[in-house]
Amino acid sequence: SLQVAAPVFRDFGGRQRFSGQIVTLK
């Protein structure tokens, strides 16, 4: 029931665990 993103991203921020409502920008 969840979508799982392909593992293409690297972590760069001071927080590795984060969540929230999505706001998009192209």
PDB file of all heavy atoms in Angstrom:
ATOM      1  N   SER A   1       0.841  -1.200   0.000  1.00  0.00           N
ATOM      2  CA  SER A   1       0.000   0.000   0.000  1.00  0.00           C
ATOM      3  C   SER A   1       0.877   1.251   0.000  1.00  0.00           C
ATOM      4  O   SER A   1       0.389   2.353  -0.232  1.00  0.00           O
ATOM      5  CB  SER A   1      -0.963   0.007   1.185  1.00  0.00           C
ATOM      6  OG  SER A   1      -0.254   0.159   2.399  1.00  0.00           O
ATOM      7  N   LEU A   2       2.173   1.067   0.245  1.00  0.00           N
ATOM      8  CA  LEU A   2       3.138   2.159   0.186  1.00  0.00           C
ATOM      9  C   LEU A   2       3.893   2.109  -1.137  1.00  0.00           C
ATOM     10  O   LEU A   2       4.123   1.039  -1.686  1.00  0.00           O
ATOM     11  CB  LEU A   2       4.171   2.036   1.319  1.00  0.00           C
ATOM     12  CG  LEU A   2       3.668   2.073   2.744  1.00  0.00           C
ATOM     13  CD1 LEU A   2       4.831   1.906   3.703  1.00  0.00           C
ATOM     14  CD2 LEU A   2       2.921   3.367   3.020  1.00  0.00           C
ATOM     15  N   GLN A   3       4.308   3.259  -1.608  1.00  0.00           N
ATOM     16  CA  GLN A   3       5.263   3.309  -2.712  1.00  0.00           C
ATOM     17  C   GLN A   3       6.661   3.364  -2.085  1.00  0.00           C
ATOM     18  O   GLN A   3       6.860   4.027  -1.065  1.00  0.00           O
ATOM     19  CB  GLN A   3       5.069   4.560  -3.555  1.00  0.00           C
ATOM     20  CG  GLN A   3       3.773   4.643  -4.325  1.00  0.00           C
ATOM     21  CD  GLN A   3       3.807   5.872  -5.211  1.00  0.00           C
ATOM     22  OE1 GLN A   3       4.441   5.890  -6.256  1.00  0.00           O
ATOM     23  NE2 GLN A   3       3.135   6.927  -4.764  1.00  0.00           N
ATOM     24  N   VAL A   4       7.604   2.679  -2.704  1.00  0.00           N
ATOM     25  CA  VAL A   4       8.981   2.677  -2.216  1.00  0.00           C
ATOM     26  C   VAL A   4       9.859   3.259  -3.317  1.00  0.00           C
ATOM     27  O   VAL A   4       9.929   2.710  -4.426  1.00  0.00           O
ATOM     28  CB  VAL A   4       9.449   1.256  -1.845  1.00  0.00           C
ATOM     29  CG1 VAL A   4      10.904   1.289  -1.375  1.00  0.00           C
ATOM     30  CG2 VAL A   4       8.544   0.658  -0.781  1.00  0.00           C
ATOM     31  N   ALA A   5      10.517   4.363  -3.025  1.00  0.00           N
ATOM     32  CA  ALA A   5      11.377   5.018  -4.014  1.00  0.00           C
ATOM     33  C   ALA A   5      12.620   4.169  -4.273  1.00  0.00           C
ATOM     34  O   ALA A   5      13.154   3.532  -3.361  1.00  0.00           O
ATOM     35  CB  ALA A   5      11.780   6.405  -3.532  1.00  0.00           C
ATOM     36  N   ALA A   6      13.073   4.193  -5.517  1.00  0.00           N
ATOM     37  CA  ALA A   6      14.312   3.508  -5.871  1.00  0.00           C
ATOM     38  C   ALA A   6      15.464   4.086  -5.042  1.00  0.00           C
ATOM     39  O   ALA A   6      15.474   5.292  -4.752  1.00  0.00           O
ATOM     40  CB  ALA A   6      14.601   3.672  -7.362  1.00  0.00           C
ATOM     41  N   PRO A   7      16.424   3.256  -4.668  1.00  0.00           N
ATOM     42  CA  PRO A   7      17.524   3.718  -3.804  1.00  0.00           C
ATOM     43  C   PRO A   7      18.590   4.498  -4.568  1.00  0.00           C
ATOM     44  O   PRO A   7      19.735   4.068  -4.694  1.00  0.00           O
ATOM     45  CB  PRO A   7      18.068   2.406  -3.227  1.00  0.00           C
ATOM     46  CG  PRO A   7      17.799   1.398  -4.298  1.00  0.00           C
ATOM     47  CD  PRO A   7      16.501   1.826  -4.935  1.00  0.00           C
ATOM     48  N   VAL A   8      18.216   5.669  -5.037  1.00  0.00           N
ATOM     49  CA  VAL A   8      19.137   6.484  -5.842  1.00  0.00           C
ATOM     50  C   VAL A   8      19.653   7.708  -5.089  1.00  0.00           C
ATOM     51  O   VAL A   8      20.542   8.401  -5.571  1.00  0.00           O
ATOM     52  CB  VAL A   8      18.477   6.934  -7.168  1.00  0.00           C
ATOM     53  CG1 VAL A   8      18.158   5.725  -8.042  1.00  0.00           C
ATOM     54  CG2 VAL A   8      17.219   7.755  -6.909  1.00  0.00           C
ATOM     55  N   PHE A   9      19.103   7.972  -3.897  1.00  0.00           N
ATOM     56  CA  PHE A   9      19.439   9.193  -3.170  1.00  0.00           C
ATOM     57  C   PHE A   9      20.485   8.952  -2.097  1.00  0.00           C
ATOM     58  O   PHE A   9      20.525   7.893  -1.490  1.00  0.00           O
ATOM     59  CB  PHE A   9      18.183   9.790  -2.520  1.00  0.00           C
ATOM     60  CG  PHE A   9      17.126  10.132  -3.505  1.00  0.00           C
ATOM     61  CD1 PHE A   9      16.021   9.309  -3.679  1.00  0.00           C
ATOM     62  CD2 PHE A   9      17.237  11.265  -4.290  1.00  0.00           C
ATOM     63  CE1 PHE A   9      15.048   9.610  -4.603  1.00  0.00           C
ATOM     64  CE2 PHE A   9      16.271  11.582  -5.231  1.00  0.00           C
ATOM     65  CZ  PHE A   9      15.176  10.750  -5.382  1.00  0.00           C
ATOM     66  N   ARG A  10      21.282   9.983  -1.855  1.00  0.00           N
ATOM     67  CA  ARG A  10      22.244   9.990  -0.754  1.00  0.00           C
ATOM     68  C   ARG A  10      21.738  10.956   0.311  1.00  0.00           C
ATOM     69  O   ARG A  10      21.056  11.923  -0.002  1.00  0.00           O
ATOM     70  CB  ARG A  10      23.620  10.436  -1.250  1.00  0.00           C
ATOM     71  CG  ARG A  10      24.245   9.445  -2.210  1.00  0.00           C
ATOM     72  CD  ARG A  10      25.514   9.961  -2.866  1.00  0.00           C
ATOM     73  NE  ARG A  10      26.458  10.559  -1.914  1.00  0.00           N
ATOM     74  CZ  ARG A  10      27.454  11.371  -2.274  1.00  0.00           C
ATOM     75  NH1 ARG A  10      27.647  11.678  -3.541  1.00  0.00           N
ATOM     76  NH2 ARG A  10      28.265  11.868  -1.374  1.00  0.00           N
ATOM     77  N   ASP A  11      22.104  10.688   1.564  1.00  0.00           N
ATOM     78  CA  ASP A  11      21.739  11.575   2.667  1.00  0.00           C
ATOM     79  C   ASP A  11      22.805  12.643   2.843  1.00  0.00           C
ATOM     80  O   ASP A  11      23.991  12.336   2.905  1.00  0.00           O
ATOM     81  CB  ASP A  11      21.628  10.779   3.977  1.00  0.00           C
ATOM     82  CG  ASP A  11      20.362   9.955   4.049  1.00  0.00           C
ATOM     83  OD1 ASP A  11      19.278  10.541   3.900  1.00  0.00           O
ATOM     84  OD2 ASP A  11      20.462   8.730   4.246  1.00  0.00           O
ATOM     85  N   PHE A  12      22.368  13.903   2.946  1.00  0.00           N
ATOM     86  CA  PHE A  12      23.297  15.011   3.118  1.00  0.00           C
ATOM     87  C   PHE A  12      22.977  15.902   4.315  1.00  0.00           C
ATOM     88  O   PHE A  12      23.832  16.643   4.768  1.00  0.00           O
ATOM     89  CB  PHE A  12      23.332  15.890   1.855  1.00  0.00           C
ATOM     90  CG  PHE A  12      23.903  15.193   0.665  1.00  0.00           C
ATOM     91  CD1 PHE A  12      23.072  14.704  -0.336  1.00  0.00           C
ATOM     92  CD2 PHE A  12      25.268  15.024   0.526  1.00  0.00           C
ATOM     93  CE1 PHE A  12      23.600  14.061  -1.449  1.00  0.00           C
ATOM     94  CE2 PHE A  12      25.804  14.382  -0.583  1.00  0.00           C
ATOM     95  CZ  PHE A  12      24.970  13.903  -1.572  1.00  0.00           C
ATOM     96  N   GLY A  13      21.764  15.885   4.799  1.00  0.00           N
ATOM     97  CA  GLY A  13      21.353  16.820   5.839  1.00  0.00           C
ATOM     98  C   GLY A  13      21.763  16.409   7.228  1.00  0.00           C
ATOM     99  O   GLY A  13      22.290  15.317   7.458  1.00  0.00           O
ATOM    100  N   GLY A  14      21.489  17.278   8.177  1.00  0.00           N
ATOM    101  CA  GLY A  14      21.772  17.011   9.576  1.00  0.00           C
ATOM    102  C   GLY A  14      20.809  16.018  10.198  1.00  0.00           C
ATOM    103  O   GLY A  14      21.054  15.505  11.279  1.00  0.00           O
ATOM    104  N   ARG A  15      19.705  15.759   9.514  1.00  0.00           N
ATOM    105  CA  ARG A  15      18.730  14.757   9.960  1.00  0.00           C
ATOM    106  C   ARG A  15      18.607  13.696   8.879  1.00  0.00           C
ATOM    107  O   ARG A  15      18.353  14.023   7.721  1.00  0.00           O
ATOM    108  CB  ARG A  15      17.361  15.407  10.164  1.00  0.00           C
ATOM    109  CG  ARG A  15      17.340  16.402  11.287  1.00  0.00           C
ATOM    110  CD  ARG A  15      16.059  17.207  11.326  1.00  0.00           C
ATOM    111  NE  ARG A  15      14.863  16.397  11.277  1.00  0.00           N
ATOM    112  CZ  ARG A  15      13.647  16.900  11.120  1.00  0.00           C
ATOM    113  NH1 ARG A  15      13.478  18.207  11.005  1.00  0.00           N
ATOM    114  NH2 ARG A  15      12.600  16.134  11.093  1.00  0.00           N
ATOM    115  N   GLN A  16      18.760  12.442   9.252  1.00  0.00           N
ATOM    116  CA  GLN A  16      18.574  11.381   8.267  1.00  0.00           C
ATOM    117  C   GLN A  16      17.149  10.844   8.286  1.00  0.00           C
ATOM    118  O   GLN A  16      16.695  10.274   7.306  1.00  0.00           O
ATOM    119  CB  GLN A  16      19.571  10.246   8.493  1.00  0.00           C
ATOM    120  CG  GLN A  16      20.979  10.651   8.128  1.00  0.00           C
ATOM    121  CD  GLN A  16      21.921   9.484   8.120  1.00  0.00           C
ATOM    122  OE1 GLN A  16      21.878   8.619   8.976  1.00  0.00           O
ATOM    123  NE2 GLN A  16      22.782   9.442   7.126  1.00  0.00           N
ATOM    124  N   ARG A  17      16.446  11.035   9.395  1.00  0.00           N
ATOM    125  CA  ARG A  17      15.070  10.545   9.515  1.00  0.00           C
ATOM    126  C   ARG A  17      14.144  11.759   9.521  1.00  0.00           C
ATOM    127  O   ARG A  17      14.258  12.625  10.386  1.00  0.00           O
ATOM    128  CB  ARG A  17      14.924   9.742  10.802  1.00  0.00           C
ATOM    129  CG  ARG A  17      13.599   9.049  10.962  1.00  0.00           C
ATOM    130  CD  ARG A  17      13.581   8.244  12.257  1.00  0.00           C
ATOM    131  NE  ARG A  17      14.826   7.518  12.467  1.00  0.00           N
ATOM    132  CZ  ARG A  17      15.013   6.217  12.221  1.00  0.00           C
ATOM    133  NH1 ARG A  17      14.019   5.494  11.801  1.00  0.00           N
ATOM    134  NH2 ARG A  17      16.182   5.651  12.425  1.00  0.00           N
ATOM    135  N   PHE A  18      13.243  11.811   8.540  1.00  0.00           N
ATOM    136  CA  PHE A  18      12.300  12.922   8.474  1.00  0.00           C
ATOM    137  C   PHE A  18      11.042  12.478   7.758  1.00  0.00           C
ATOM    138  O   PHE A  18      11.042  11.504   7.009  1.00  0.00           O
ATOM    139  CB  PHE A  18      12.922  14.151   7.802  1.00  0.00           C
ATOM    140  CG  PHE A  18      13.398  13.950   6.386  1.00  0.00           C
ATOM    141  CD1 PHE A  18      12.600  14.322   5.307  1.00  0.00           C
ATOM    142  CD2 PHE A  18      14.651  13.406   6.128  1.00  0.00           C
ATOM    143  CE1 PHE A  18      13.037  14.157   4.002  1.00  0.00           C
ATOM    144  CE2 PHE A  18      15.097  13.238   4.822  1.00  0.00           C
ATOM    145  CZ  PHE A  18      14.291  13.611   3.760  1.00  0.00           C
ATOM    146  N   SER A  19       9.969  13.199   8.011  1.00  0.00           N
ATOM    147  CA  SER A  19       8.694  12.856   7.379  1.00  0.00           C
ATOM    148  C   SER A  19       7.829  14.097   7.317  1.00  0.00           C
ATOM    149  O   SER A  19       8.082  15.084   8.001  1.00  0.00           O
ATOM    150  CB  SER A  19       7.980  11.761   8.179  1.00  0.00           C
ATOM    151  OG  SER A  19       7.629  12.233   9.456  1.00  0.00           O
ATOM    152  N   GLY A  20       6.804  14.022   6.483  1.00  0.00           N
ATOM    153  CA  GLY A  20       5.867  15.121   6.393  1.00  0.00           C
ATOM    154  C   GLY A  20       5.010  15.052   5.161  1.00  0.00           C
ATOM    155  O   GLY A  20       5.159  14.159   4.318  1.00  0.00           O
ATOM    156  N   GLN A  21       4.111  16.028   5.071  1.00  0.00           N
ATOM    157  CA  GLN A  21       3.228  16.139   3.919  1.00  0.00           C
ATOM    158  C   GLN A  21       4.032  16.707   2.749  1.00  0.00           C
ATOM    159  O   GLN A  21       4.825  17.632   2.909  1.00  0.00           O
ATOM    160  CB  GLN A  21       2.047  17.032   4.248  1.00  0.00           C
ATOM    161  CG  GLN A  21       0.935  16.942   3.227  1.00  0.00           C
ATOM    162  CD  GLN A  21      -0.345  17.571   3.740  1.00  0.00           C
ATOM    163  OE1 GLN A  21      -0.330  18.523   4.509  1.00  0.00           O
ATOM    164  NE2 GLN A  21      -1.468  17.036   3.287  1.00  0.00           N
ATOM    165  N   ILE A  22       3.810  16.134   1.585  1.00  0.00           N
ATOM    166  CA  ILE A  22       4.599  16.474   0.402  1.00  0.00           C
ATOM    167  C   ILE A  22       4.128  17.771  -0.244  1.00  0.00           C
ATOM    168  O   ILE A  22       2.936  17.970  -0.487  1.00  0.00           O
ATOM    169  CB  ILE A  22       4.529  15.329  -0.629  1.00  0.00           C
ATOM    170  CG1 ILE A  22       5.193  14.064  -0.057  1.00  0.00           C
ATOM    171  CG2 ILE A  22       5.174  15.726  -1.955  1.00  0.00           C
ATOM    172  CD1 ILE A  22       4.976  12.817  -0.907  1.00  0.00           C
ATOM    173  N   VAL A  23       5.098  18.637  -0.523  1.00  0.00           N
ATOM    174  CA  VAL A  23       4.920  19.828  -1.357  1.00  0.00           C
ATOM    175  C   VAL A  23       5.856  19.619  -2.535  1.00  0.00           C
ATOM    176  O   VAL A  23       7.024  19.269  -2.349  1.00  0.00           O
ATOM    177  CB  VAL A  23       5.307  21.116  -0.595  1.00  0.00           C
ATOM    178  CG1 VAL A  23       5.238  22.323  -1.520  1.00  0.00           C
ATOM    179  CG2 VAL A  23       4.429  21.303   0.625  1.00  0.00           C
ATOM    180  N   THR A  24       5.372  19.794  -3.764  1.00  0.00           N
ATOM    181  CA  THR A  24       6.206  19.499  -4.922  1.00  0.00           C
ATOM    182  C   THR A  24       6.619  20.753  -5.679  1.00  0.00           C
ATOM    183  O   THR A  24       5.922  21.769  -5.664  1.00  0.00           O
ATOM    184  CB  THR A  24       5.483  18.546  -5.906  1.00  0.00           C
ATOM    185  OG1 THR A  24       4.301  19.188  -6.388  1.00  0.00           O
ATOM    186  CG2 THR A  24       5.139  17.219  -5.255  1.00  0.00           C
ATOM    187  N   LEU A  25       7.740  20.602  -6.362  1.00  0.00           N
ATOM    188  CA  LEU A  25       8.287  21.667  -7.194  1.00  0.00           C
ATOM    189  C   LEU A  25       9.024  21.040  -8.362  1.00  0.00           C
ATOM    190  O   LEU A  25       9.867  20.164  -8.165  1.00  0.00           O
ATOM    191  CB  LEU A  25       9.255  22.533  -6.382  1.00  0.00           C
ATOM    192  CG  LEU A  25      10.128  23.524  -7.167  1.00  0.00           C
ATOM    193  CD1 LEU A  25       9.279  24.545  -7.890  1.00  0.00           C
ATOM    194  CD2 LEU A  25      11.110  24.203  -6.223  1.00  0.00           C
ATOM    195  N   LYS A  26       8.691  21.479  -9.566  1.00  0.00           N
ATOM    196  CA  LYS A  26       9.419  21.065 -10.757  1.00  0.00           C
ATOM    197  C   LYS A  26      10.168  22.291 -11.262  1.00  0.00           C
ATOM    198  O   LYS A  26       9.554  23.309 -11.578  1.00  0.00           O
ATOM    199  CB  LYS A  26       8.481  20.531 -11.831  1.00  0.00           C
ATOM    200  CG  LYS A  26       9.209  19.960 -13.034  1.00  0.00           C
ATOM    201  CD  LYS A  26       8.216  19.309 -13.998  1.00  0.00           C
ATOM    202  CE  LYS A  26       8.904  18.666 -15.158  1.00  0.00           C
ATOM    203  NZ  LYS A  26       9.490  17.370 -14.856  1.00  0.00           N
TER     204      LYS A  26
END
